[in-house]
Every structure is written in C-alpha cells, then in structure tokens.
Amino acid sequence: MINPKLVTLHISYEDWGDNPDDFLIHLEAFIGPEDEPGTEVFYFSAISPKRLVRMIEDDIELGRGLLISSDFNLPKIETKIRQLLTNCHRDNWDETIKAIWRYARWESES
C-alpha cells in the first residue's frame, strides 16, 4: 500500500484585498510516497469566502483545489492536506496520484 506524504508546502502567489478576510493564496504541495524518494507537485488555492463571493458574482468557479477558510493559517492548511492524504492510500503510485487529484490540481494535468 502506498501512503502519500506532504513533503513541503510553498506559497507561490498571494493576493490580499483591503482586509485580512479577503485573500487568494496559491500553494504548491510537494507530495511523495512515504517510504520512497521523489515528489509530485499538486496545487491548492486558499481562498476566503469574501473573495470567493467576489469571484462568482459574474462567473462560475470550479471547486477542485480550493481550500475555503475565513482566515489564512498555513499550519491549519498543512493539517487539512495531511488529513486529505489519509484518504488517498492506494496499491500503486499512479492510483495514489489519481486519488489526490480528486482534491487538488496536478502539475501533469493536460
């Protein structure tokens, strides 16, 4: 059984509004098999409800990869991603990637 592990999490983009409750932060999650070298990059976006409301006023937003929170707290986000990964244990790495892909955008998406 392959157990995915969050190796590192990086902020790749920050967009803060006029208030701390208005934000959109893009994150790169480097995730790999627990007992093997190497990682794949998955993308999440932490977004506040206020920003989400503004984004969908005149448009439709798809939800995969969105982490919706009233405050930006990186340790809580890391905890949430680790919790998601507990649902992604599979028999091989390709199947594990597909399971993670349900929650995040993947670097190799076409």
PDB file of N, CA and C in Angstrom:
ATOM      1  N   MET A   1       0.854  -1.185   0.000  1.00  0.00           N
ATOM      2  CA  MET A   1       0.000   0.000   0.000  1.00  0.00           C
ATOM      3  C   MET A   1       0.894   1.240   0.000  1.00  0.00           C
ATOM      4  N   ILE A   2       0.602   2.180  -0.873  1.00  0.00           N
ATOM      5  CA  ILE A   2       1.359   3.433  -0.965  1.00  0.00           C
ATOM      6  C   ILE A   2       0.684   4.482  -0.083  1.00  0.00           C
ATOM      7  N   ASN A   3       1.455   5.055   0.828  1.00  0.00           N
ATOM      8  CA  ASN A   3       0.964   6.123   1.703  1.00  0.00           C
ATOM      9  C   ASN A   3       1.565   7.445   1.236  1.00  0.00           C
ATOM     10  N   PRO A   4       0.747   8.376   0.749  1.00  0.00           N
ATOM     11  CA  PRO A   4       1.283   9.662   0.305  1.00  0.00           C
ATOM     12  C   PRO A   4       1.632  10.545   1.501  1.00  0.00           C
ATOM     13  N   LYS A   5       2.685  11.343   1.317  1.00  0.00           N
ATOM     14  CA  LYS A   5       3.178  12.207   2.383  1.00  0.00           C
ATOM     15  C   LYS A   5       3.378  13.617   1.848  1.00  0.00           C
ATOM     16  N   LEU A   6       2.905  14.611   2.594  1.00  0.00           N
ATOM     17  CA  LEU A   6       3.188  16.005   2.265  1.00  0.00           C
ATOM     18  C   LEU A   6       4.625  16.290   2.688  1.00  0.00           C
ATOM     19  N   VAL A   7       5.490  16.570   1.701  1.00  0.00           N
ATOM     20  CA  VAL A   7       6.904  16.820   1.987  1.00  0.00           C
ATOM     21  C   VAL A   7       7.114  18.299   2.296  1.00  0.00           C
ATOM     22  N   THR A   8       6.650  19.166   1.412  1.00  0.00           N
ATOM     23  CA  THR A   8       6.739  20.605   1.642  1.00  0.00           C
ATOM     24  C   THR A   8       5.526  21.296   1.043  1.00  0.00           C
ATOM     25  N   LEU A   9       5.259  22.486   1.541  1.00  0.00           N
ATOM     26  CA  LEU A   9       4.163  23.322   1.048  1.00  0.00           C
ATOM     27  C   LEU A   9       4.702  24.733   0.877  1.00  0.00           C
ATOM     28  N   HIS A  10       4.572  25.277  -0.338  1.00  0.00           N
ATOM     29  CA  HIS A  10       5.104  26.599  -0.649  1.00  0.00           C
ATOM     30  C   HIS A  10       3.988  27.524  -1.115  1.00  0.00           C
ATOM     31  N   ILE A  11       4.088  28.769  -0.737  1.00  0.00           N
ATOM     32  CA  ILE A  11       3.204  29.804  -1.266  1.00  0.00           C
ATOM     33  C   ILE A  11       3.803  30.267  -2.588  1.00  0.00           C
ATOM     34  N   SER A  12       3.022  30.186  -3.665  1.00  0.00           N
ATOM     35  CA  SER A  12       3.521  30.613  -4.974  1.00  0.00           C
ATOM     36  C   SER A  12       2.949  31.959  -5.419  1.00  0.00           C
ATOM     37  N   TYR A  13       1.847  32.377  -4.780  1.00  0.00           N
ATOM     38  CA  TYR A  13       1.207  33.638  -5.166  1.00  0.00           C
ATOM     39  C   TYR A  13       0.309  34.086  -4.022  1.00  0.00           C
ATOM     40  N   GLU A  14       0.317  35.384  -3.734  1.00  0.00           N
ATOM     41  CA  GLU A  14      -0.563  35.943  -2.702  1.00  0.00           C
ATOM     42  C   GLU A  14      -1.293  37.150  -3.269  1.00  0.00           C
ATOM     43  N   ASP A  15      -2.586  37.213  -3.028  1.00  0.00           N
ATOM     44  CA  ASP A  15      -3.383  38.378  -3.400  1.00  0.00           C
ATOM     45  C   ASP A  15      -4.271  38.730  -2.209  1.00  0.00           C
ATOM     46  N   TRP A  16      -3.894  39.780  -1.517  1.00  0.00           N
ATOM     47  CA  TRP A  16      -4.645  40.234  -0.347  1.00  0.00           C
ATOM     48  C   TRP A  16      -5.474  41.451  -0.731  1.00  0.00           C
ATOM     49  N   GLY A  17      -6.724  41.451  -0.311  1.00  0.00           N
ATOM     50  CA  GLY A  17      -7.573  42.606  -0.522  1.00  0.00           C
ATOM     51  C   GLY A  17      -7.276  43.660   0.527  1.00  0.00           C
ATOM     52  N   ASP A  18      -8.227  44.565   0.709  1.00  0.00           N
ATOM     53  CA  ASP A  18      -8.057  45.646   1.680  1.00  0.00           C
ATOM     54  C   ASP A  18      -8.186  45.169   3.122  1.00  0.00           C
ATOM     55  N   ASN A  19      -8.783  44.010   3.329  1.00  0.00           N
ATOM     56  CA  ASN A  19      -8.995  43.484   4.675  1.00  0.00           C
ATOM     57  C   ASN A  19      -8.380  42.093   4.787  1.00  0.00           C
ATOM     58  N   PRO A  20      -8.014  41.672   6.006  1.00  0.00           N
ATOM     59  CA  PRO A  20      -7.412  40.345   6.173  1.00  0.00           C
ATOM     60  C   PRO A  20      -8.354  39.195   5.834  1.00  0.00           C
ATOM     61  N   ASP A  21      -9.657  39.468   5.747  1.00  0.00           N
ATOM     62  CA  ASP A  21     -10.612  38.409   5.411  1.00  0.00           C
ATOM     63  C   ASP A  21     -10.917  38.363   3.911  1.00  0.00           C
ATOM     64  N   ASP A  22     -10.036  38.960   3.107  1.00  0.00           N
ATOM     65  CA  ASP A  22     -10.179  38.980   1.645  1.00  0.00           C
ATOM     66  C   ASP A  22      -8.844  38.543   1.038  1.00  0.00           C
ATOM     67  N   PHE A  23      -8.735  37.245   0.693  1.00  0.00           N
ATOM     68  CA  PHE A  23      -7.458  36.754   0.195  1.00  0.00           C
ATOM     69  C   PHE A  23      -7.635  35.607  -0.793  1.00  0.00           C
ATOM     70  N   LEU A  24      -6.616  35.447  -1.618  1.00  0.00           N
ATOM     71  CA  LEU A  24      -6.462  34.304  -2.515  1.00  0.00           C
ATOM     72  C   LEU A  24      -4.980  33.973  -2.521  1.00  0.00           C
ATOM     73  N   ILE A  25      -4.635  32.788  -2.035  1.00  0.00           N
ATOM     74  CA  ILE A  25      -3.243  32.359  -1.914  1.00  0.00           C
ATOM     75  C   ILE A  25      -3.083  31.048  -2.679  1.00  0.00           C
ATOM     76  N   HIS A  26      -2.178  31.024  -3.655  1.00  0.00           N
ATOM     77  CA  HIS A  26      -1.895  29.794  -4.395  1.00  0.00           C
ATOM     78  C   HIS A  26      -0.761  29.042  -3.701  1.00  0.00           C
ATOM     79  N   LEU A  27      -0.946  27.746  -3.560  1.00  0.00           N
ATOM     80  CA  LEU A  27       0.007  26.900  -2.843  1.00  0.00           C
ATOM     81  C   LEU A  27       0.475  25.752  -3.715  1.00  0.00           C
ATOM     82  N   GLU A  28       1.743  25.411  -3.577  1.00  0.00           N
ATOM     83  CA  GLU A  28       2.314  24.240  -4.234  1.00  0.00           C
ATOM     84  C   GLU A  28       2.611  23.208  -3.160  1.00  0.00           C
ATOM     85  N   ALA A  29       1.982  22.048  -3.269  1.00  0.00           N
ATOM     86  CA  ALA A  29       2.181  20.961  -2.313  1.00  0.00           C
ATOM     87  C   ALA A  29       3.038  19.889  -2.974  1.00  0.00           C
ATOM     88  N   PHE A  30       4.197  19.649  -2.417  1.00  0.00           N
ATOM     89  CA  PHE A  30       5.087  18.605  -2.908  1.00  0.00           C
ATOM     90  C   PHE A  30       4.773  17.337  -2.127  1.00  0.00           C
ATOM     91  N   ILE A  31       4.217  16.353  -2.833  1.00  0.00           N
ATOM     92  CA  ILE A  31       3.703  15.136  -2.203  1.00  0.00           C
ATOM     93  C   ILE A  31       4.388  13.930  -2.842  1.00  0.00           C
ATOM     94  N   GLY A  32       4.844  13.019  -1.989  1.00  0.00           N
ATOM     95  CA  GLY A  32       5.501  11.826  -2.497  1.00  0.00           C
ATOM     96  C   GLY A  32       5.133  10.605  -1.683  1.00  0.00           C
ATOM     97  N   PRO A  33       5.558   9.437  -2.142  1.00  0.00           N
ATOM     98  CA  PRO A  33       5.318   8.214  -1.381  1.00  0.00           C
ATOM     99  C   PRO A  33       6.100   8.272  -0.066  1.00  0.00           C
ATOM    100  N   GLU A  34       5.486   7.827   0.992  1.00  0.00           N
ATOM    101  CA  GLU A  34       6.069   7.937   2.328  1.00  0.00           C
ATOM    102  C   GLU A  34       7.468   7.317   2.430  1.00  0.00           C
ATOM    103  N   ASP A  35       7.680   6.170   1.839  1.00  0.00           N
ATOM    104  CA  ASP A  35       8.940   5.443   2.008  1.00  0.00           C
ATOM    105  C   ASP A  35       9.811   5.420   0.764  1.00  0.00           C
ATOM    106  N   GLU A  36       9.587   6.364  -0.165  1.00  0.00           N
ATOM    107  CA  GLU A  36      10.358   6.389  -1.404  1.00  0.00           C
ATOM    108  C   GLU A  36      10.757   7.821  -1.733  1.00  0.00           C
ATOM    109  N   PRO A  37      11.858   7.993  -2.477  1.00  0.00           N
ATOM    110  CA  PRO A  37      12.247   9.353  -2.878  1.00  0.00           C
ATOM    111  C   PRO A  37      11.332   9.884  -3.980  1.00  0.00           C
ATOM    112  N   GLY A  38      11.343  11.194  -4.139  1.00  0.00           N
ATOM    113  CA  GLY A  38      10.598  11.827  -5.220  1.00  0.00           C
ATOM    114  C   GLY A  38       9.269  12.395  -4.774  1.00  0.00           C
ATOM    115  N   THR A  39       8.836  13.416  -5.496  1.00  0.00           N
ATOM    116  CA  THR A  39       7.544  14.054  -5.222  1.00  0.00           C
ATOM    117  C   THR A  39       6.883  14.446  -6.527  1.00  0.00           C
ATOM    118  N   GLU A  40       5.602  14.649  -6.439  1.00  0.00           N
ATOM    119  CA  GLU A  40       4.810  15.279  -7.496  1.00  0.00           C
ATOM    120  C   GLU A  40       4.311  16.596  -6.915  1.00  0.00           C
ATOM    121  N   VAL A  41       4.055  17.570  -7.780  1.00  0.00           N
ATOM    122  CA  VAL A  41       3.553  18.860  -7.321  1.00  0.00           C
ATOM    123  C   VAL A  41       2.053  18.929  -7.573  1.00  0.00           C
ATOM    124  N   PHE A  42       1.320  19.252  -6.520  1.00  0.00           N
ATOM    125  CA  PHE A  42      -0.118  19.468  -6.601  1.00  0.00           C
ATOM    126  C   PHE A  42      -0.400  20.900  -6.161  1.00  0.00           C
ATOM    127  N   TYR A  43      -1.457  21.469  -6.715  1.00  0.00           N
ATOM    128  CA  TYR A  43      -1.758  22.875  -6.474  1.00  0.00           C
ATOM    129  C   TYR A  43      -3.087  23.030  -5.744  1.00  0.00           C
ATOM    130  N   PHE A  44      -3.064  23.877  -4.730  1.00  0.00           N
ATOM    131  CA  PHE A  44      -4.253  24.264  -3.991  1.00  0.00           C
ATOM    132  C   PHE A  44      -4.339  25.783  -4.001  1.00  0.00           C
ATOM    133  N   SER A  45      -5.534  26.305  -3.789  1.00  0.00           N
ATOM    134  CA  SER A  45      -5.733  27.741  -3.611  1.00  0.00           C
ATOM    135  C   SER A  45      -6.526  27.954  -2.342  1.00  0.00           C
ATOM    136  N   ALA A  46      -5.919  28.652  -1.386  1.00  0.00           N
ATOM    137  CA  ALA A  46      -6.624  29.038  -0.164  1.00  0.00           C
ATOM    138  C   ALA A  46      -7.364  30.333  -0.475  1.00  0.00           C
ATOM    139  N   ILE A  47      -8.651  30.335  -0.223  1.00  0.00           N
ATOM    140  CA  ILE A  47      -9.472  31.485  -0.589  1.00  0.00           C
ATOM    141  C   ILE A  47     -10.459  31.792   0.535  1.00  0.00           C
ATOM    142  N   SER A  48     -10.661  33.061   0.769  1.00  0.00           N
ATOM    143  CA  SER A  48     -11.636  33.464   1.785  1.00  0.00           C
ATOM    144  C   SER A  48     -13.036  33.475   1.171  1.00  0.00           C
ATOM    145  N   PRO A  49     -14.061  33.287   2.016  1.00  0.00           N
ATOM    146  CA  PRO A  49     -15.436  33.385   1.496  1.00  0.00           C
ATOM    147  C   PRO A  49     -15.706  34.731   0.824  1.00  0.00           C
ATOM    148  N   LYS A  50     -15.156  35.797   1.392  1.00  0.00           N
ATOM    149  CA  LYS A  50     -15.363  37.124   0.804  1.00  0.00           C
ATOM    150  C   LYS A  50     -14.810  37.185  -0.616  1.00  0.00           C
ATOM    151  N   ARG A  51     -13.611  36.653  -0.827  1.00  0.00           N
ATOM    152  CA  ARG A  51     -13.015  36.660  -2.165  1.00  0.00           C
ATOM    153  C   ARG A  51     -13.795  35.753  -3.108  1.00  0.00           C
ATOM    154  N   LEU A  52     -14.228  34.621  -2.603  1.00  0.00           N
ATOM    155  CA  LEU A  52     -14.989  33.689  -3.433  1.00  0.00           C
ATOM    156  C   LEU A  52     -16.290  34.334  -3.913  1.00  0.00           C
ATOM    157  N   VAL A  53     -16.966  35.037  -3.036  1.00  0.00           N
ATOM    158  CA  VAL A  53     -18.204  35.731  -3.426  1.00  0.00           C
ATOM    159  C   VAL A  53     -17.916  36.727  -4.541  1.00  0.00           C
ATOM    160  N   ARG A  54     -16.826  37.466  -4.412  1.00  0.00           N
ATOM    161  CA  ARG A  54     -16.468  38.436  -5.456  1.00  0.00           C
ATOM    162  C   ARG A  54     -16.155  37.731  -6.773  1.00  0.00           C
ATOM    163  N   MET A  55     -15.498  36.578  -6.692  1.00  0.00           N
ATOM    164  CA  MET A  55     -15.123  35.862  -7.915  1.00  0.00           C
ATOM    165  C   MET A  55     -16.328  35.298  -8.658  1.00  0.00           C
ATOM    166  N   ILE A  56     -17.375  34.926  -7.929  1.00  0.00           N
ATOM    167  CA  ILE A  56     -18.510  34.285  -8.588  1.00  0.00           C
ATOM    168  C   ILE A  56     -19.670  35.238  -8.870  1.00  0.00           C
ATOM    169  N   GLU A  57     -19.483  36.527  -8.616  1.00  0.00           N
ATOM    170  CA  GLU A  57     -20.555  37.485  -8.902  1.00  0.00           C
ATOM    171  C   GLU A  57     -21.003  37.412 -10.355  1.00  0.00           C
ATOM    172  N   ASP A  58     -20.054  37.343 -11.269  1.00  0.00           N
ATOM    173  CA  ASP A  58     -20.373  37.330 -12.699  1.00  0.00           C
ATOM    174  C   ASP A  58     -19.815  36.103 -13.408  1.00  0.00           C
ATOM    175  N   ASP A  59     -19.462  35.090 -12.652  1.00  0.00           N
ATOM    176  CA  ASP A  59     -18.801  33.936 -13.254  1.00  0.00           C
ATOM    177  C   ASP A  59     -19.120  32.691 -12.436  1.00  0.00           C
ATOM    178  N   ILE A  60     -18.623  31.572 -12.900  1.00  0.00           N
ATOM    179  CA  ILE A  60     -18.759  30.299 -12.195  1.00  0.00           C
ATOM    180  C   ILE A  60     -17.356  29.820 -11.872  1.00  0.00           C
ATOM    181  N   GLU A  61     -17.122  29.401 -10.664  1.00  0.00           N
ATOM    182  CA  GLU A  61     -15.814  28.903 -10.243  1.00  0.00           C
ATOM    183  C   GLU A  61     -15.920  27.415  -9.948  1.00  0.00           C
ATOM    184  N   LEU A  62     -14.997  26.626 -10.498  1.00  0.00           N
ATOM    185  CA  LEU A  62     -14.943  25.202 -10.184  1.00  0.00           C
ATOM    186  C   LEU A  62     -14.191  25.024  -8.874  1.00  0.00           C
ATOM    187  N   GLY A  63     -14.557  24.016  -8.079  1.00  0.00           N
ATOM    188  CA  GLY A  63     -14.043  23.918  -6.725  1.00  0.00           C
ATOM    189  C   GLY A  63     -12.834  23.043  -6.488  1.00  0.00           C
ATOM    190  N   ARG A  64     -12.385  22.247  -7.441  1.00  0.00           N
ATOM    191  CA  ARG A  64     -11.258  21.358  -7.157  1.00  0.00           C
ATOM    192  C   ARG A  64     -10.014  22.175  -6.845  1.00  0.00           C
ATOM    193  N   GLY A  65      -9.370  21.849  -5.759  1.00  0.00           N
ATOM    194  CA  GLY A  65      -8.166  22.551  -5.354  1.00  0.00           C
ATOM    195  C   GLY A  65      -8.413  23.746  -4.460  1.00  0.00           C
ATOM    196  N   LEU A  66      -9.663  24.087  -4.207  1.00  0.00           N
ATOM    197  CA  LEU A  66      -9.961  25.232  -3.344  1.00  0.00           C
ATOM    198  C   LEU A  66     -10.025  24.806  -1.882  1.00  0.00           C
ATOM    199  N   LEU A  67      -9.356  25.577  -1.041  1.00  0.00           N
ATOM    200  CA  LEU A  67      -9.439  25.424   0.409  1.00  0.00           C
ATOM    201  C   LEU A  67     -10.083  26.712   0.925  1.00  0.00           C
ATOM    202  N   ILE A  68     -11.324  26.643   1.339  1.00  0.00           N
ATOM    203  CA  ILE A  68     -12.090  27.830   1.710  1.00  0.00           C
ATOM    204  C   ILE A  68     -12.000  28.012   3.218  1.00  0.00           C
ATOM    205  N   SER A  69     -11.528  29.200   3.619  1.00  0.00           N
ATOM    206  CA  SER A  69     -11.323  29.471   5.038  1.00  0.00           C
ATOM    207  C   SER A  69     -11.502  30.956   5.311  1.00  0.00           C
ATOM    208  N   SER A  70     -11.983  31.276   6.504  1.00  0.00           N
ATOM    209  CA  SER A  70     -12.192  32.675   6.863  1.00  0.00           C
ATOM    210  C   SER A  70     -10.892  33.380   7.244  1.00  0.00           C
ATOM    211  N   ASP A  71      -9.825  32.601   7.549  1.00  0.00           N
ATOM    212  CA  ASP A  71      -8.530  33.211   7.819  1.00  0.00           C
ATOM    213  C   ASP A  71      -7.435  32.347   7.207  1.00  0.00           C
ATOM    214  N   PHE A  72      -6.329  32.985   6.840  1.00  0.00           N
ATOM    215  CA  PHE A  72      -5.219  32.241   6.248  1.00  0.00           C
ATOM    216  C   PHE A  72      -4.297  31.790   7.369  1.00  0.00           C
ATOM    217  N   ASN A  73      -4.244  30.464   7.564  1.00  0.00           N
ATOM    218  CA  ASN A  73      -3.448  29.880   8.631  1.00  0.00           C
ATOM    219  C   ASN A  73      -2.707  28.684   8.022  1.00  0.00           C
ATOM    220  N   LEU A  74      -1.434  28.882   7.697  1.00  0.00           N
ATOM    221  CA  LEU A  74      -0.680  27.851   6.990  1.00  0.00           C
ATOM    222  C   LEU A  74      -0.589  26.532   7.760  1.00  0.00           C
ATOM    223  N   PRO A  75      -0.355  26.529   9.080  1.00  0.00           N
ATOM    224  CA  PRO A  75      -0.349  25.242   9.795  1.00  0.00           C
ATOM    225  C   PRO A  75      -1.679  24.486   9.705  1.00  0.00           C
ATOM    226  N   LYS A  76      -2.801  25.203   9.747  1.00  0.00           N
ATOM    227  CA  LYS A  76      -4.103  24.547   9.609  1.00  0.00           C
ATOM    228  C   LYS A  76      -4.286  23.983   8.207  1.00  0.00           C
ATOM    229  N   ILE A  77      -3.781  24.699   7.214  1.00  0.00           N
ATOM    230  CA  ILE A  77      -3.866  24.213   5.832  1.00  0.00           C
ATOM    231  C   ILE A  77      -3.038  22.948   5.670  1.00  0.00           C
ATOM    232  N   GLU A  78      -1.825  22.942   6.223  1.00  0.00           N
ATOM    233  CA  GLU A  78      -0.980  21.747   6.159  1.00  0.00           C
ATOM    234  C   GLU A  78      -1.680  20.559   6.820  1.00  0.00           C
ATOM    235  N   THR A  79      -2.304  20.798   7.959  1.00  0.00           N
ATOM    236  CA  THR A  79      -3.047  19.739   8.658  1.00  0.00           C
ATOM    237  C   THR A  79      -4.180  19.216   7.795  1.00  0.00           C
ATOM    238  N   LYS A  80      -4.917  20.101   7.146  1.00  0.00           N
ATOM    239  CA  LYS A  80      -6.035  19.691   6.293  1.00  0.00           C
ATOM    240  C   LYS A  80      -5.541  18.855   5.113  1.00  0.00           C
ATOM    241  N   ILE A  81      -4.453  19.269   4.488  1.00  0.00           N
ATOM    242  CA  ILE A  81      -3.913  18.499   3.368  1.00  0.00           C
ATOM    243  C   ILE A  81      -3.468  17.120   3.839  1.00  0.00           C
ATOM    244  N   ARG A  82      -2.809  17.052   4.987  1.00  0.00           N
ATOM    245  CA  ARG A  82      -2.403  15.743   5.528  1.00  0.00           C
ATOM    246  C   ARG A  82      -3.627  14.859   5.804  1.00  0.00           C
ATOM    247  N   GLN A  83      -4.712  15.467   6.290  1.00  0.00           N
ATOM    248  CA  GLN A  83      -5.948  14.706   6.516  1.00  0.00           C
ATOM    249  C   GLN A  83      -6.503  14.175   5.196  1.00  0.00           C
ATOM    250  N   LEU A  84      -6.497  15.007   4.158  1.00  0.00           N
ATOM    251  CA  LEU A  84      -6.969  14.564   2.845  1.00  0.00           C
ATOM    252  C   LEU A  84      -6.148  13.385   2.334  1.00  0.00           C
ATOM    253  N   LEU A  85      -4.852  13.436   2.566  1.00  0.00           N
ATOM    254  CA  LEU A  85      -3.969  12.383   2.074  1.00  0.00           C
ATOM    255  C   LEU A  85      -4.240  11.037   2.735  1.00  0.00           C
ATOM    256  N   THR A  86      -4.819  11.041   3.928  1.00  0.00           N
ATOM    257  CA  THR A  86      -5.148   9.759   4.578  1.00  0.00           C
ATOM    258  C   THR A  86      -6.234   9.020   3.803  1.00  0.00           C
ATOM    259  N   ASN A  87      -6.957   9.715   2.936  1.00  0.00           N
ATOM    260  CA  ASN A  87      -7.982   9.086   2.091  1.00  0.00           C
ATOM    261  C   ASN A  87      -7.431   8.633   0.741  1.00  0.00           C
ATOM    262  N   CYS A  88      -6.118   8.770   0.537  1.00  0.00           N
ATOM    263  CA  CYS A  88      -5.535   8.542  -0.787  1.00  0.00           C
ATOM    264  C   CYS A  88      -4.572   7.360  -0.835  1.00  0.00           C
ATOM    265  N   HIS A  89      -4.570   6.502   0.155  1.00  0.00           N
ATOM    266  CA  HIS A  89      -3.713   5.311   0.154  1.00  0.00           C
ATOM    267  C   HIS A  89      -4.213   4.368  -0.939  1.00  0.00           C
ATOM    268  N   ARG A  90      -3.310   3.937  -1.812  1.00  0.00           N
ATOM    269  CA  ARG A  90      -3.662   3.029  -2.898  1.00  0.00           C
ATOM    270  C   ARG A  90      -2.556   1.985  -3.081  1.00  0.00           C
ATOM    271  N   ASP A  91      -2.804   1.021  -3.967  1.00  0.00           N
ATOM    272  CA  ASP A  91      -1.862  -0.079  -4.188  1.00  0.00           C
ATOM    273  C   ASP A  91      -0.609   0.328  -4.956  1.00  0.00           C
ATOM    274  N   ASN A  92      -0.685   1.394  -5.768  1.00  0.00           N
ATOM    275  CA  ASN A  92       0.494   1.849  -6.504  1.00  0.00           C
ATOM    276  C   ASN A  92       0.462   3.376  -6.594  1.00  0.00           C
ATOM    277  N   TRP A  93       1.590   3.959  -7.006  1.00  0.00           N
ATOM    278  CA  TRP A  93       1.718   5.418  -7.016  1.00  0.00           C
ATOM    279  C   TRP A  93       0.781   6.062  -8.037  1.00  0.00           C
ATOM    280  N   ASP A  94       0.590   5.450  -9.206  1.00  0.00           N
ATOM    281  CA  ASP A  94      -0.315   6.025 -10.206  1.00  0.00           C
ATOM    282  C   ASP A  94      -1.734   6.141  -9.664  1.00  0.00           C
ATOM    283  N   GLU A  95      -2.199   5.114  -8.983  1.00  0.00           N
ATOM    284  CA  GLU A  95      -3.544   5.161  -8.386  1.00  0.00           C
ATOM    285  C   GLU A  95      -3.597   6.173  -7.240  1.00  0.00           C
ATOM    286  N   THR A  96      -2.506   6.310  -6.507  1.00  0.00           N
ATOM    287  CA  THR A  96      -2.437   7.293  -5.418  1.00  0.00           C
ATOM    288  C   THR A  96      -2.547   8.701  -5.982  1.00  0.00           C
ATOM    289  N   ILE A  97      -1.835   8.964  -7.080  1.00  0.00           N
ATOM    290  CA  ILE A  97      -1.916  10.280  -7.732  1.00  0.00           C
ATOM    291  C   ILE A  97      -3.352  10.581  -8.145  1.00  0.00           C
ATOM    292  N   LYS A  98      -4.022   9.606  -8.732  1.00  0.00           N
ATOM    293  CA  LYS A  98      -5.417   9.805  -9.146  1.00  0.00           C
ATOM    294  C   LYS A  98      -6.311  10.135  -7.946  1.00  0.00           C
ATOM    295  N   ALA A  99      -6.041   9.513  -6.817  1.00  0.00           N
ATOM    296  CA  ALA A  99      -6.834   9.782  -5.616  1.00  0.00           C
ATOM    297  C   ALA A  99      -6.584  11.203  -5.113  1.00  0.00           C
ATOM    298  N   ILE A 100      -5.335  11.631  -5.106  1.00  0.00           N
ATOM    299  CA  ILE A 100      -5.005  13.003  -4.671  1.00  0.00           C
ATOM    300  C   ILE A 100      -5.613  14.006  -5.633  1.00  0.00           C
ATOM    301  N   TRP A 101      -5.626  13.651  -6.909  1.00  0.00           N
ATOM    302  CA  TRP A 101      -6.144  14.516  -7.967  1.00  0.00           C
ATOM    303  C   TRP A 101      -7.614  14.885  -7.741  1.00  0.00           C
ATOM    304  N   ARG A 102      -8.332  14.082  -6.988  1.00  0.00           N
ATOM    305  CA  ARG A 102      -9.733  14.427  -6.678  1.00  0.00           C
ATOM    306  C   ARG A 102      -9.824  15.719  -5.878  1.00  0.00           C
ATOM    307  N   TYR A 103      -8.775  16.026  -5.112  1.00  0.00           N
ATOM    308  CA  TYR A 103      -8.775  17.184  -4.222  1.00  0.00           C
ATOM    309  C   TYR A 103      -7.971  18.370  -4.741  1.00  0.00           C
ATOM    310  N   ALA A 104      -6.940  18.106  -5.545  1.00  0.00           N
ATOM    311  CA  ALA A 104      -6.004  19.156  -5.951  1.00  0.00           C
ATOM    312  C   ALA A 104      -5.785  19.117  -7.459  1.00  0.00           C
ATOM    313  N   ARG A 105      -5.224  20.205  -7.955  1.00  0.00           N
ATOM    314  CA  ARG A 105      -4.785  20.219  -9.351  1.00  0.00           C
ATOM    315  C   ARG A 105      -3.377  19.641  -9.384  1.00  0.00           C
ATOM    316  N   TRP A 106      -3.045  18.922 -10.436  1.00  0.00           N
ATOM    317  CA  TRP A 106      -1.767  18.219 -10.534  1.00  0.00           C
ATOM    318  C   TRP A 106      -0.893  18.878 -11.586  1.00  0.00           C
ATOM    319  N   GLU A 107       0.419  18.918 -11.347  1.00  0.00           N
ATOM    320  CA  GLU A 107       1.341  19.554 -12.277  1.00  0.00           C
ATOM    321  C   GLU A 107       1.299  18.948 -13.672  1.00  0.00           C
ATOM    322  N   SER A 108       0.951  17.675 -13.785  1.00  0.00           N
ATOM    323  CA  SER A 108       0.979  16.983 -15.077  1.00  0.00           C
ATOM    324  C   SER A 108      -0.381  16.906 -15.755  1.00  0.00           C
ATOM    325  N   GLU A 109      -1.336  17.696 -15.290  1.00  0.00           N
ATOM    326  CA  GLU A 109      -2.649  17.692 -15.940  1.00  0.00           C
ATOM    327  C   GLU A 109      -2.508  18.196 -17.370  1.00  0.00           C
ATOM    328  N   SER A 110      -3.302  17.632 -18.232  1.00  0.00           N
ATOM    329  CA  SER A 110      -3.287  18.120 -19.620  1.00  0.00           C
ATOM    330  C   SER A 110      -4.640  18.654 -19.991  1.00  0.00           C
TER     331      SER A 110
END
